[in-house]
Amino acid sequence: MFQKIKSIEPLPDYCLSVHFENDEIKQYDIKKLAKELEQFNALFYIPGLYEQVKIDSGGYGIFWNDEIDLACNELYYNGIPLRKGAVSK
C-alpha cells in the first residue's frame, strides 16, 4: 500500500519532515542515502539544491531534479515517526 505524501519540508542537517495523507509525520535523513547512492551527493555540494525538494504529482514521491528522487514508501517505511496518524473517534 502506498502512503502518499501531503507535504515536505527540508530541515537543517539534511533531514526531511514528511507529512503523509494519513496524517503521520516522519523524519527522513538524507545523509544515509548519500553513502549508498552517489547521485544524492549533489544535495550537499550544489548550493540551494537540497532546499528545492518538491512532491511529484499524485504524492507518490519527491524529487530535486531528473536524477534525484525518492518514492513515498521509502520515506514512509524508513523514516522516523514524529507523529502518528489521526485517531478515529
Protein backbone atom coordinates (compact mmCIF):
# COMPACT_ATOMS: atom_id res chain seq x y z
CA MET A 1 0.00 0.00 0.00
CA PHE A 2 1.27 3.47 -0.86
CA GLN A 3 1.41 6.16 1.79
CA LYS A 4 1.03 9.30 -0.29
CA ILE A 5 2.83 12.50 0.63
CA LYS A 6 0.83 15.56 1.62
CA SER A 7 3.72 17.96 2.26
CA ILE A 8 7.50 18.00 2.56
CA GLU A 9 9.81 20.35 4.43
CA PRO A 10 13.61 20.38 4.21
CA LEU A 11 15.06 20.64 7.72
CA PRO A 12 18.57 21.57 8.82
CA ASP A 13 21.25 18.87 8.73
CA TYR A 14 19.78 17.23 5.59
CA CYS A 15 16.71 15.72 7.21
CA LEU A 16 13.23 15.96 5.70
CA SER A 17 9.94 16.35 7.53
CA VAL A 18 7.41 14.34 5.55
CA HIS A 19 3.66 14.73 6.21
CA PHE A 20 1.63 11.85 4.76
CA GLU A 21 -2.04 11.83 3.79
CA ASN A 22 -2.83 9.56 6.75
CA ASP A 23 -1.61 12.47 8.97
CA GLU A 24 1.56 10.71 10.07
CA ILE A 25 4.70 12.82 10.08
CA LYS A 26 8.12 11.23 9.70
CA GLN A 27 11.67 12.50 9.60
CA TYR A 28 13.93 11.11 6.91
CA ASP A 29 17.72 11.51 6.99
CA ILE A 30 19.19 12.07 3.51
CA LYS A 31 22.78 11.63 4.74
CA LYS A 32 22.36 7.84 4.90
CA LEU A 33 21.46 7.71 1.21
CA ALA A 34 24.46 9.76 0.16
CA LYS A 35 26.70 6.99 1.50
CA GLU A 36 24.91 4.42 -0.68
CA LEU A 37 23.84 6.33 -3.80
CA GLU A 38 26.27 8.70 -5.49
CA GLN A 39 23.64 10.93 -7.12
CA PHE A 40 22.47 12.12 -3.67
CA ASN A 41 25.87 13.74 -3.04
CA ALA A 42 24.78 16.63 -5.28
CA LEU A 43 22.40 17.73 -2.50
CA PHE A 44 25.44 18.56 -0.37
CA TYR A 45 27.67 20.36 -2.87
CA ILE A 46 25.24 22.23 -5.16
CA PRO A 47 24.17 25.33 -3.19
CA GLY A 48 20.40 25.55 -2.66
CA LEU A 49 19.52 22.24 -4.34
CA TYR A 50 18.53 20.42 -1.14
CA GLU A 51 16.00 23.16 -0.28
CA GLN A 52 14.30 22.80 -3.70
CA VAL A 53 12.67 19.44 -2.88
CA LYS A 54 9.22 19.01 -4.44
CA ILE A 55 6.42 16.43 -4.29
CA ASP A 56 5.68 14.68 -7.57
CA SER A 57 2.17 14.75 -8.99
CA GLY A 58 -0.07 12.39 -7.06
CA GLY A 59 2.12 12.37 -3.93
CA TYR A 60 3.89 9.12 -4.76
CA GLY A 61 7.38 10.52 -4.26
CA ILE A 62 9.63 13.55 -4.03
CA PHE A 63 12.31 14.90 -6.35
CA TRP A 64 15.02 17.51 -6.70
CA ASN A 65 15.88 17.06 -10.38
CA ASP A 66 15.77 14.39 -13.11
CA GLU A 67 18.39 12.29 -11.34
CA ILE A 68 17.48 12.59 -7.67
CA ASP A 69 14.16 11.29 -6.39
CA LEU A 70 12.64 9.11 -3.67
CA ALA A 71 9.48 7.02 -3.53
CA CYS A 72 6.84 7.66 -0.89
CA ASN A 73 7.26 4.14 0.53
CA GLU A 74 11.00 4.67 1.08
CA LEU A 75 10.23 7.81 3.08
CA TYR A 76 7.37 6.17 4.99
CA TYR A 77 8.94 2.85 5.93
CA ASN A 78 12.46 4.17 6.62
CA GLY A 79 11.53 7.49 8.22
CA ILE A 80 11.48 8.07 11.97
CA PRO A 81 7.93 8.69 13.27
CA LEU A 82 7.36 12.16 14.68
CA ARG A 83 3.57 11.95 14.88
CA LYS A 84 1.12 9.09 14.42
CA GLY A 85 -1.93 9.41 12.18
CA ALA A 86 -5.26 10.79 13.32
CA VAL A 87 -7.21 8.59 15.72
CA SER A 88 -10.80 7.74 14.74
CA LYS A 89 -13.48 8.51 17.31
